[in-house]
N, C-alpha and C. Protein backbone atom coordinates (compact mmCIF):
# COMPACT_ATOMS: atom_id res chain seq x y z
N MET A 1 113.86 -2.21 -49.60
CA MET A 1 113.04 -1.37 -50.47
C MET A 1 112.78 -0.05 -49.77
N ARG A 2 112.71 0.97 -50.56
CA ARG A 2 112.38 2.30 -50.03
C ARG A 2 111.03 2.71 -50.57
N PHE A 3 110.29 3.48 -49.77
CA PHE A 3 108.95 3.93 -50.15
C PHE A 3 108.82 5.42 -49.94
N ARG A 4 107.99 6.04 -50.74
CA ARG A 4 107.68 7.46 -50.61
C ARG A 4 106.17 7.60 -50.58
N LYS A 5 105.69 8.51 -49.81
CA LYS A 5 104.26 8.77 -49.77
C LYS A 5 103.83 9.38 -51.10
N ARG A 6 102.78 8.83 -51.68
CA ARG A 6 102.28 9.37 -52.96
C ARG A 6 101.74 10.78 -52.75
N ASN A 7 101.87 11.57 -53.79
CA ASN A 7 101.33 12.92 -53.72
C ASN A 7 99.82 12.87 -53.55
N CYS A 8 99.35 13.59 -52.59
CA CYS A 8 97.92 13.63 -52.32
C CYS A 8 97.63 14.92 -51.58
N VAL A 9 96.71 15.69 -52.09
CA VAL A 9 96.28 16.91 -51.39
C VAL A 9 95.06 16.54 -50.57
N VAL A 10 95.10 16.84 -49.28
CA VAL A 10 94.00 16.51 -48.38
C VAL A 10 93.39 17.78 -47.81
N GLU A 11 92.17 17.66 -47.35
CA GLU A 11 91.52 18.71 -46.57
C GLU A 11 91.71 18.32 -45.11
N ALA A 12 91.96 19.29 -44.25
CA ALA A 12 92.15 18.98 -42.83
C ALA A 12 91.66 20.15 -41.98
N VAL A 13 91.08 19.80 -40.82
CA VAL A 13 90.60 20.78 -39.85
C VAL A 13 91.17 20.38 -38.50
N GLN A 14 91.77 21.33 -37.80
CA GLN A 14 92.27 20.99 -36.47
C GLN A 14 91.11 21.05 -35.49
N TRP A 15 90.99 19.99 -34.70
CA TRP A 15 89.88 19.85 -33.75
C TRP A 15 90.35 20.25 -32.37
N HIS A 16 89.58 21.14 -31.72
CA HIS A 16 89.91 21.57 -30.36
C HIS A 16 88.76 21.30 -29.39
N GLN A 17 87.53 21.34 -29.90
CA GLN A 17 86.37 21.21 -29.01
C GLN A 17 85.16 20.77 -29.81
N PRO A 18 84.13 20.31 -29.12
CA PRO A 18 82.91 19.90 -29.82
C PRO A 18 82.41 21.01 -30.74
N GLY A 19 82.01 20.63 -31.94
CA GLY A 19 81.50 21.59 -32.92
C GLY A 19 82.54 21.97 -33.97
N ASP A 20 83.82 21.65 -33.72
CA ASP A 20 84.86 21.99 -34.71
C ASP A 20 84.76 21.13 -35.97
N HIS A 21 84.22 19.92 -35.85
CA HIS A 21 84.05 19.04 -37.01
C HIS A 21 82.85 18.13 -36.75
N PRO A 22 81.92 18.03 -37.70
CA PRO A 22 80.70 17.26 -37.48
C PRO A 22 80.92 15.75 -37.32
N ALA A 23 82.06 15.22 -37.74
CA ALA A 23 82.30 13.78 -37.64
C ALA A 23 82.70 13.35 -36.23
N VAL A 24 83.10 14.30 -35.37
CA VAL A 24 83.55 13.96 -34.02
C VAL A 24 82.33 13.95 -33.09
N GLU A 25 82.18 12.85 -32.37
CA GLU A 25 81.05 12.72 -31.45
C GLU A 25 81.48 12.00 -30.19
N TRP A 26 80.63 12.13 -29.17
CA TRP A 26 80.91 11.50 -27.88
C TRP A 26 80.53 10.03 -27.95
N GLN A 27 81.49 9.14 -27.74
CA GLN A 27 81.27 7.69 -27.76
C GLN A 27 82.13 7.05 -26.69
N ASN A 28 81.57 6.13 -25.93
CA ASN A 28 82.36 5.35 -24.96
C ASN A 28 83.23 6.21 -24.06
N ALA A 29 82.65 7.25 -23.48
CA ALA A 29 83.32 8.13 -22.52
C ALA A 29 84.49 8.91 -23.12
N GLY A 30 84.40 9.27 -24.40
CA GLY A 30 85.44 10.08 -25.02
C GLY A 30 85.02 10.59 -26.39
N TRP A 31 85.74 11.57 -26.89
CA TRP A 31 85.46 12.09 -28.22
C TRP A 31 86.10 11.17 -29.25
N CYS A 32 85.28 10.74 -30.21
CA CYS A 32 85.71 9.76 -31.21
C CYS A 32 85.10 10.11 -32.56
N MET A 33 85.58 9.40 -33.57
CA MET A 33 84.96 9.50 -34.88
C MET A 33 85.04 8.16 -35.58
N ALA A 34 84.06 7.90 -36.42
CA ALA A 34 84.03 6.66 -37.19
C ALA A 34 85.00 6.79 -38.36
N THR A 35 85.83 5.77 -38.56
CA THR A 35 86.77 5.72 -39.68
C THR A 35 86.54 4.40 -40.41
N PRO A 36 87.15 4.20 -41.56
CA PRO A 36 87.02 2.91 -42.25
C PRO A 36 87.52 1.74 -41.39
N ASP A 37 88.37 2.04 -40.41
CA ASP A 37 88.92 0.99 -39.54
C ASP A 37 88.19 0.89 -38.20
N GLY A 38 87.08 1.57 -38.05
CA GLY A 38 86.33 1.56 -36.79
C GLY A 38 86.45 2.90 -36.07
N TRP A 39 85.98 2.95 -34.82
CA TRP A 39 85.99 4.19 -34.04
C TRP A 39 87.41 4.51 -33.60
N ARG A 40 87.80 5.79 -33.75
CA ARG A 40 89.12 6.24 -33.31
C ARG A 40 88.95 7.43 -32.38
N LYS A 41 89.74 7.46 -31.32
CA LYS A 41 89.71 8.53 -30.34
C LYS A 41 90.23 9.83 -30.95
N VAL A 42 89.65 10.96 -30.55
CA VAL A 42 90.08 12.28 -31.01
C VAL A 42 90.40 13.12 -29.78
N LEU A 43 91.56 13.73 -29.77
CA LEU A 43 91.98 14.59 -28.67
C LEU A 43 92.12 16.02 -29.16
N PRO A 44 91.95 17.01 -28.25
CA PRO A 44 92.14 18.40 -28.66
C PRO A 44 93.51 18.58 -29.31
N GLY A 45 93.54 19.28 -30.44
CA GLY A 45 94.77 19.50 -31.19
C GLY A 45 94.96 18.53 -32.34
N ASP A 46 94.20 17.42 -32.35
CA ASP A 46 94.27 16.48 -33.46
C ASP A 46 93.71 17.12 -34.72
N TRP A 47 94.14 16.60 -35.86
CA TRP A 47 93.62 17.04 -37.15
C TRP A 47 92.62 16.00 -37.65
N ILE A 48 91.52 16.46 -38.21
CA ILE A 48 90.56 15.58 -38.88
C ILE A 48 90.87 15.72 -40.37
N VAL A 49 91.36 14.64 -40.95
CA VAL A 49 91.85 14.65 -42.32
C VAL A 49 90.87 13.94 -43.24
N THR A 50 90.54 14.57 -44.35
CA THR A 50 89.77 13.92 -45.41
C THR A 50 90.78 13.45 -46.44
N GLY A 51 90.95 12.14 -46.56
CA GLY A 51 91.94 11.57 -47.45
C GLY A 51 91.58 11.71 -48.91
N CYS A 52 92.51 11.34 -49.76
CA CYS A 52 92.32 11.41 -51.22
C CYS A 52 91.10 10.62 -51.67
N ASP A 53 90.77 9.56 -50.92
CA ASP A 53 89.63 8.72 -51.28
C ASP A 53 88.33 9.17 -50.61
N GLY A 54 88.37 10.29 -49.87
CA GLY A 54 87.18 10.81 -49.21
C GLY A 54 86.97 10.29 -47.80
N SER A 55 87.80 9.36 -47.35
CA SER A 55 87.64 8.82 -46.00
C SER A 55 88.15 9.83 -44.97
N LEU A 56 87.55 9.79 -43.78
CA LEU A 56 87.92 10.69 -42.69
C LEU A 56 88.70 9.92 -41.64
N TYR A 57 89.72 10.56 -41.08
CA TYR A 57 90.45 9.94 -39.99
C TYR A 57 91.15 11.02 -39.17
N PRO A 58 91.32 10.78 -37.85
CA PRO A 58 92.04 11.73 -37.01
C PRO A 58 93.54 11.47 -37.07
N MET A 59 94.31 12.52 -36.86
CA MET A 59 95.77 12.39 -36.86
C MET A 59 96.33 13.34 -35.81
N ARG A 60 97.24 12.83 -34.99
CA ARG A 60 97.89 13.66 -33.98
C ARG A 60 98.63 14.81 -34.64
N ASN A 61 98.65 15.95 -33.97
CA ASN A 61 99.25 17.17 -34.51
C ASN A 61 100.71 16.95 -34.93
N GLU A 62 101.51 16.30 -34.11
CA GLU A 62 102.92 16.11 -34.44
C GLU A 62 103.10 15.32 -35.73
N LEU A 63 102.35 14.25 -35.88
CA LEU A 63 102.44 13.45 -37.10
C LEU A 63 101.95 14.24 -38.31
N PHE A 64 100.83 14.94 -38.15
CA PHE A 64 100.29 15.75 -39.25
C PHE A 64 101.32 16.76 -39.73
N CYS A 65 101.95 17.47 -38.80
CA CYS A 65 102.93 18.50 -39.16
C CYS A 65 104.16 17.90 -39.83
N ASN A 66 104.50 16.64 -39.51
CA ASN A 66 105.63 15.98 -40.15
C ASN A 66 105.30 15.48 -41.55
N LEU A 67 104.03 15.19 -41.81
CA LEU A 67 103.64 14.62 -43.10
C LEU A 67 103.13 15.63 -44.12
N TYR A 68 102.51 16.71 -43.63
CA TYR A 68 101.84 17.64 -44.54
C TYR A 68 102.36 19.06 -44.38
N GLU A 69 102.25 19.81 -45.45
CA GLU A 69 102.54 21.24 -45.43
C GLU A 69 101.42 21.94 -46.18
N PRO A 70 101.16 23.21 -45.84
CA PRO A 70 100.08 23.94 -46.52
C PRO A 70 100.31 24.02 -48.03
N VAL A 71 99.22 23.98 -48.77
CA VAL A 71 99.28 24.12 -50.23
C VAL A 71 99.21 25.60 -50.56
N ALA A 72 100.01 26.04 -51.51
CA ALA A 72 99.98 27.44 -51.94
C ALA A 72 98.56 27.81 -52.33
N GLY A 73 98.08 28.94 -51.91
CA GLY A 73 96.72 29.35 -52.19
C GLY A 73 95.82 29.10 -51.00
N GLY A 74 96.28 28.23 -50.09
CA GLY A 74 95.63 28.06 -48.78
C GLY A 74 94.31 27.37 -48.75
N VAL A 75 93.27 28.13 -48.43
CA VAL A 75 91.96 27.59 -48.07
C VAL A 75 91.16 27.19 -49.29
N ALA A 76 90.56 25.99 -49.22
CA ALA A 76 89.66 25.54 -50.28
C ALA A 76 88.32 26.22 -50.12
N GLY A 77 87.60 26.33 -51.18
CA GLY A 77 86.31 26.99 -51.02
C GLY A 77 85.34 26.68 -52.03
């Protein structure tokens, strides 16, 4: 069977340091964020993605760039 990712427009912010996204906090000797699957580590350069269902999760830059491209019109507001 073959699968394709369903069309979904997400909001995303690249995280570099504390203050870049309010969901990232210091936990267990590292920067982390709560996700539906539990706490996930966040590293500088990771993207904080708000999924189609409103859930937040971090994603490594390389994976993010392979999965997503900017939407025409750019920034939401």
